[in-house]
Amino acid sequence: MKQTPGAYRIQEFATIAGVTVRALHHYDRLGLLKPSGRSDSGYRIYRDCDLARLEQIVVLKFLGLPLKQIGRLLRRESSLAETLRSQGRVLVERRRRLGWAIDAISEAERSLRENGEPNWDLFKRIVREIEMQNDTEWSKKYYSPEAQKKVEERRKLWSPELQAEVSLKWSELFADIERAIADGELPQGARAQALSARWRKLVEGFTGGDPDIQRGLNKMWTDQANWPKPQRESYAVKPEIQNFIVSAMKRSR
């Protein structure tokens, strides 16, 4: 069957657009870019108008926006101007942190040249800064601009030693909750309520009791399925733990 001018099968369209067929399948599944139609044989058919929409997706993705947010923008469910302003703030902060890491690397190189030995304290600072950037950038989309500023202010109070202490407390709490679940503890029981109180105290250590930060934190934790894989593997809470503690908190009100 002769193909209509300006109509492309998926492989041809992918080549013209400079993307992979796999990416087009993914955009189709997410509803970001549906093919204009199907051939008699059932093949996806794309047209020139689809290329314009794909270019919008690629540009927004290049700016660091997650696909879920891009979908909302393309459906006009959120403001492009506000999203660009917010993403601009994220990129400026990222540039600042990368600039600090580059300066630290230059300082480490100078120390190595002058002393003949590496300054391992500098290397630890470089690693810590890059790790902090990787750990925080992905989560900023859940917070309003005002909440982001507050989080950054609170982060200045956060030392590596405090982070290690808090991480240990969370690990111990998770283990205690799992034991309570295994023992058949009811959410309204005294043991569950004590665990709930410990949970609230640890959360407040991060939020400082600020409602703006708390709202962003709630959004983030309800969206665990869409976290980046490294964060999902490191920080995601087991569903049974989350369900137990949510039930316990509801009964403490």
Protein backbone atom coordinates (compact mmCIF):
# COMPACT_ATOMS: atom_id res chain seq x y z
CA MET A 1 0.00 0.00 0.00
CA LYS A 2 1.39 3.42 -1.01
CA GLN A 3 2.20 5.67 1.94
CA THR A 4 0.58 9.13 2.14
CA PRO A 5 3.03 12.04 1.76
CA GLY A 6 3.85 13.59 5.12
CA ALA A 7 2.96 10.35 6.93
CA TYR A 8 5.67 8.21 8.53
CA ARG A 9 5.90 4.81 10.14
CA ILE A 10 7.50 4.77 13.54
CA GLN A 11 11.05 3.81 12.46
CA GLU A 12 11.13 6.51 9.80
CA PHE A 13 9.65 9.09 12.18
CA ALA A 14 12.19 8.19 14.87
CA THR A 15 15.04 8.69 12.39
CA ILE A 16 13.73 12.06 11.25
CA ALA A 17 13.14 13.23 14.83
CA GLY A 18 16.45 11.92 16.18
CA VAL A 19 14.90 9.80 18.91
CA THR A 20 14.61 6.08 19.50
CA VAL A 21 11.61 3.92 18.67
CA ARG A 22 11.62 2.88 22.32
CA ALA A 23 11.22 6.54 23.37
CA LEU A 24 8.24 6.95 21.02
CA HIS A 25 6.61 3.84 22.48
CA HIS A 26 7.16 5.26 25.97
CA TYR A 27 5.66 8.65 25.06
CA ASP A 28 2.69 6.87 23.52
CA ARG A 29 2.09 4.84 26.72
CA LEU A 30 2.24 8.01 28.82
CA GLY A 31 -0.13 9.85 26.50
CA LEU A 32 2.48 12.50 25.70
CA LEU A 33 2.62 11.78 21.98
CA LYS A 34 0.01 9.58 20.37
CA PRO A 35 0.47 8.72 16.68
CA SER A 36 -1.93 10.51 14.35
CA GLY A 37 -3.36 7.22 13.19
CA ARG A 38 -2.80 3.61 12.21
CA SER A 39 -2.23 1.96 8.87
CA ASP A 40 -4.52 -0.77 7.57
CA SER A 41 -1.98 -3.23 8.98
CA GLY A 42 -2.09 -1.60 12.41
CA TYR A 43 1.26 0.20 12.25
CA ARG A 44 1.60 3.55 14.03
CA ILE A 45 1.49 6.48 11.60
CA TYR A 46 3.02 9.83 12.51
CA ARG A 47 2.63 13.13 10.65
CA ASP A 48 4.45 16.45 10.49
CA CYS A 49 2.23 17.91 13.24
CA ASP A 50 3.46 15.14 15.57
CA LEU A 51 7.02 16.31 14.99
CA ALA A 52 6.18 19.76 16.38
CA ARG A 53 4.76 18.21 19.56
CA LEU A 54 7.77 15.92 19.90
CA GLU A 55 10.06 18.94 19.69
CA GLN A 56 8.17 20.50 22.62
CA ILE A 57 8.65 17.32 24.66
CA VAL A 58 12.38 17.15 23.85
CA VAL A 59 12.96 20.82 24.78
CA LEU A 60 11.11 20.52 28.10
CA LYS A 61 12.89 17.24 28.88
CA PHE A 62 16.25 18.90 28.14
CA LEU A 63 15.40 21.57 30.73
CA GLY A 64 15.14 18.79 33.31
CA LEU A 65 11.37 18.57 33.66
CA PRO A 66 9.98 15.11 34.50
CA LEU A 67 7.70 13.52 31.90
CA LYS A 68 4.71 13.64 34.24
CA GLN A 69 5.03 17.42 34.53
CA ILE A 70 5.58 17.76 30.78
CA GLY A 71 2.28 15.95 30.25
CA ARG A 72 0.46 18.46 32.46
CA LEU A 73 2.02 21.35 30.56
CA LEU A 74 1.08 19.94 27.16
CA ARG A 75 -2.48 19.40 28.39
CA ARG A 76 -2.39 23.00 29.71
CA GLU A 77 -3.11 21.80 33.24
CA SER A 78 -0.27 23.91 34.66
CA SER A 79 1.36 27.24 33.85
CA LEU A 80 4.34 27.11 31.50
CA ALA A 81 5.62 30.49 32.73
CA GLU A 82 5.57 29.43 36.39
CA THR A 83 7.11 26.04 35.57
CA LEU A 84 9.95 27.69 33.65
CA ARG A 85 10.58 30.14 36.49
CA SER A 86 10.66 27.29 39.00
CA GLN A 87 12.94 25.17 36.81
CA GLY A 88 15.18 28.18 36.28
CA ARG A 89 15.66 28.45 40.04
CA VAL A 90 16.51 24.75 40.20
CA LEU A 91 19.12 25.11 37.42
CA VAL A 92 20.66 28.20 39.04
CA GLU A 93 21.02 26.29 42.31
CA ARG A 94 22.50 23.32 40.44
CA ARG A 95 25.00 25.64 38.73
CA ARG A 96 25.98 27.08 42.11
CA ARG A 97 26.62 23.64 43.58
CA LEU A 98 28.53 22.45 40.51
CA GLY A 99 30.61 25.63 40.62
CA TRP A 100 31.51 24.84 44.23
CA ALA A 101 32.48 21.27 43.29
CA ILE A 102 34.64 22.51 40.37
CA ASP A 103 36.42 24.98 42.69
CA ALA A 104 37.02 22.19 45.23
CA ILE A 105 38.48 19.96 42.50
CA SER A 106 40.82 22.79 41.37
CA GLU A 107 41.91 23.28 44.98
CA ALA A 108 42.57 19.54 45.34
CA GLU A 109 44.66 19.55 42.13
CA ARG A 110 46.69 22.52 43.39
CA SER A 111 47.30 20.81 46.73
CA LEU A 112 48.45 17.66 44.93
CA ARG A 113 50.89 19.62 42.75
CA GLU A 114 52.35 21.59 45.69
CA ASN A 115 52.51 18.85 48.31
CA GLY A 116 52.83 15.70 46.23
CA GLU A 117 50.10 14.13 48.35
CA PRO A 118 46.33 14.28 47.88
CA ASN A 119 44.29 16.22 50.43
CA TRP A 120 41.70 13.60 51.30
CA ASP A 121 39.57 16.08 53.26
CA LEU A 122 39.05 18.00 50.04
CA PHE A 123 38.10 14.85 48.16
CA LYS A 124 35.56 13.99 50.87
CA ARG A 125 34.06 17.46 50.53
CA ILE A 126 33.77 17.01 46.75
CA VAL A 127 32.04 13.65 47.09
CA ARG A 128 29.72 14.95 49.81
CA GLU A 129 28.70 17.97 47.73
CA ILE A 130 28.00 15.94 44.59
CA GLU A 131 26.07 13.33 46.56
CA MET A 132 24.00 16.05 48.24
CA GLN A 133 23.17 17.53 44.84
CA ASN A 134 22.09 14.16 43.47
CA ASP A 135 20.01 13.46 46.58
CA THR A 136 18.17 16.80 46.62
CA GLU A 137 17.65 18.01 43.05
CA TRP A 138 15.11 15.33 42.13
CA SER A 139 12.88 16.14 45.11
CA LYS A 140 12.55 19.89 44.53
CA LYS A 141 9.62 19.50 42.13
CA TYR A 142 7.40 18.51 45.06
CA TYR A 143 7.91 21.80 46.92
CA SER A 144 6.52 25.24 46.20
CA PRO A 145 9.12 28.00 45.57
CA GLU A 146 8.54 29.28 49.12
CA ALA A 147 8.98 25.81 50.60
CA GLN A 148 12.17 25.25 48.56
CA LYS A 149 13.71 28.36 50.10
CA LYS A 150 12.79 27.16 53.58
CA VAL A 151 14.24 23.71 52.91
CA GLU A 152 17.52 25.30 51.76
CA GLU A 153 17.66 27.39 54.93
CA ARG A 154 17.12 24.33 57.11
CA ARG A 155 19.74 22.43 55.13
CA LYS A 156 22.37 24.86 56.42
CA LEU A 157 21.72 23.43 59.90
CA TRP A 158 22.28 19.88 58.62
CA SER A 159 25.77 18.42 59.14
CA PRO A 160 27.06 15.03 57.95
CA GLU A 161 27.18 13.92 61.58
CA LEU A 162 23.55 14.88 62.13
CA GLN A 163 22.58 13.10 58.89
CA ALA A 164 24.28 9.92 60.07
CA GLU A 165 22.52 10.16 63.45
CA VAL A 166 19.09 10.71 61.87
CA SER A 167 19.61 7.91 59.33
CA LEU A 168 20.38 5.53 62.19
CA LYS A 169 17.22 6.59 64.04
CA TRP A 170 15.09 5.96 60.93
CA SER A 171 16.65 2.53 60.45
CA GLU A 172 15.95 1.61 64.06
CA LEU A 173 12.38 2.89 63.78
CA PHE A 174 11.71 0.88 60.61
CA ALA A 175 13.04 -2.26 62.31
CA ASP A 176 10.85 -1.65 65.38
CA ILE A 177 7.77 -1.13 63.21
CA GLU A 178 8.42 -4.37 61.31
CA ARG A 179 8.71 -6.21 64.64
CA ALA A 180 5.43 -4.68 65.81
CA ILE A 181 3.71 -5.78 62.59
CA ALA A 182 5.11 -9.31 62.97
CA ASP A 183 3.82 -9.40 66.56
CA GLY A 184 0.32 -8.46 65.40
CA GLU A 185 0.33 -5.04 67.08
CA LEU A 186 -2.85 -3.05 66.38
CA PRO A 187 -2.51 0.57 65.11
CA GLN A 188 -4.47 1.86 68.10
CA GLY A 189 -2.27 0.03 70.62
CA ALA A 190 0.15 1.80 72.95
CA ARG A 191 3.18 0.34 71.18
CA ALA A 192 1.96 1.54 67.78
CA GLN A 193 1.20 4.99 69.15
CA ALA A 194 4.71 5.25 70.59
CA LEU A 195 6.15 4.31 67.19
CA SER A 196 3.90 6.92 65.58
CA ALA A 197 5.21 9.57 67.99
CA ARG A 198 8.82 8.69 67.10
CA TRP A 199 7.95 8.96 63.40
CA ARG A 200 6.40 12.42 63.86
CA LYS A 201 9.42 13.62 65.81
CA LEU A 202 11.85 12.55 63.08
CA VAL A 203 9.71 14.18 60.38
CA GLU A 204 9.55 17.41 62.39
CA GLY A 205 13.34 17.34 62.61
CA PHE A 206 13.34 17.84 58.83
CA THR A 207 10.34 20.17 58.45
CA GLY A 208 10.86 22.21 61.60
CA GLY A 209 7.09 22.06 61.94
CA ASP A 210 6.67 24.25 58.84
CA PRO A 211 3.38 23.46 57.02
CA ASP A 212 4.75 24.44 53.57
CA ILE A 213 7.63 21.97 53.89
CA GLN A 214 5.26 19.33 55.28
CA ARG A 215 2.94 19.65 52.27
CA GLY A 216 5.85 19.16 49.88
CA LEU A 217 7.09 16.20 51.89
CA ASN A 218 3.63 14.61 51.78
CA LYS A 219 3.49 15.01 47.98
CA MET A 220 6.91 13.41 47.63
CA TRP A 221 6.11 10.37 49.78
CA THR A 222 2.82 9.69 48.00
CA ASP A 223 4.69 9.63 44.67
CA GLN A 224 7.30 6.98 45.52
CA ALA A 225 6.52 5.01 42.34
CA ASN A 226 7.90 7.91 40.26
CA TRP A 227 11.11 8.50 42.22
CA PRO A 228 14.44 8.01 40.39
CA LYS A 229 15.61 4.43 40.74
CA PRO A 230 18.59 5.14 43.08
CA GLN A 231 16.35 7.05 45.51
CA ARG A 232 13.62 4.44 45.26
CA GLU A 233 16.10 1.72 46.19
CA SER A 234 17.67 3.73 49.01
CA TYR A 235 14.83 5.65 50.63
CA ALA A 236 11.45 4.19 49.66
CA VAL A 237 9.45 2.88 52.63
CA LYS A 238 7.99 -0.60 52.48
CA PRO A 239 4.21 -0.45 51.86
CA GLU A 240 3.44 -2.47 54.98
CA ILE A 241 5.42 -0.04 57.16
CA GLN A 242 3.78 2.99 55.57
CA ASN A 243 0.28 1.52 55.89
CA PHE A 244 0.86 0.64 59.54
CA ILE A 245 2.18 4.05 60.53
CA VAL A 246 -0.55 5.92 58.61
CA SER A 247 -3.18 3.85 60.40
CA ALA A 248 -1.53 4.51 63.75
CA MET A 249 -1.40 8.26 63.09
CA LYS A 250 -5.08 8.35 62.15
CA ARG A 251 -5.96 6.79 65.49
CA SER A 252 -3.82 9.24 67.44
CA ARG A 253 -5.85 12.26 66.31
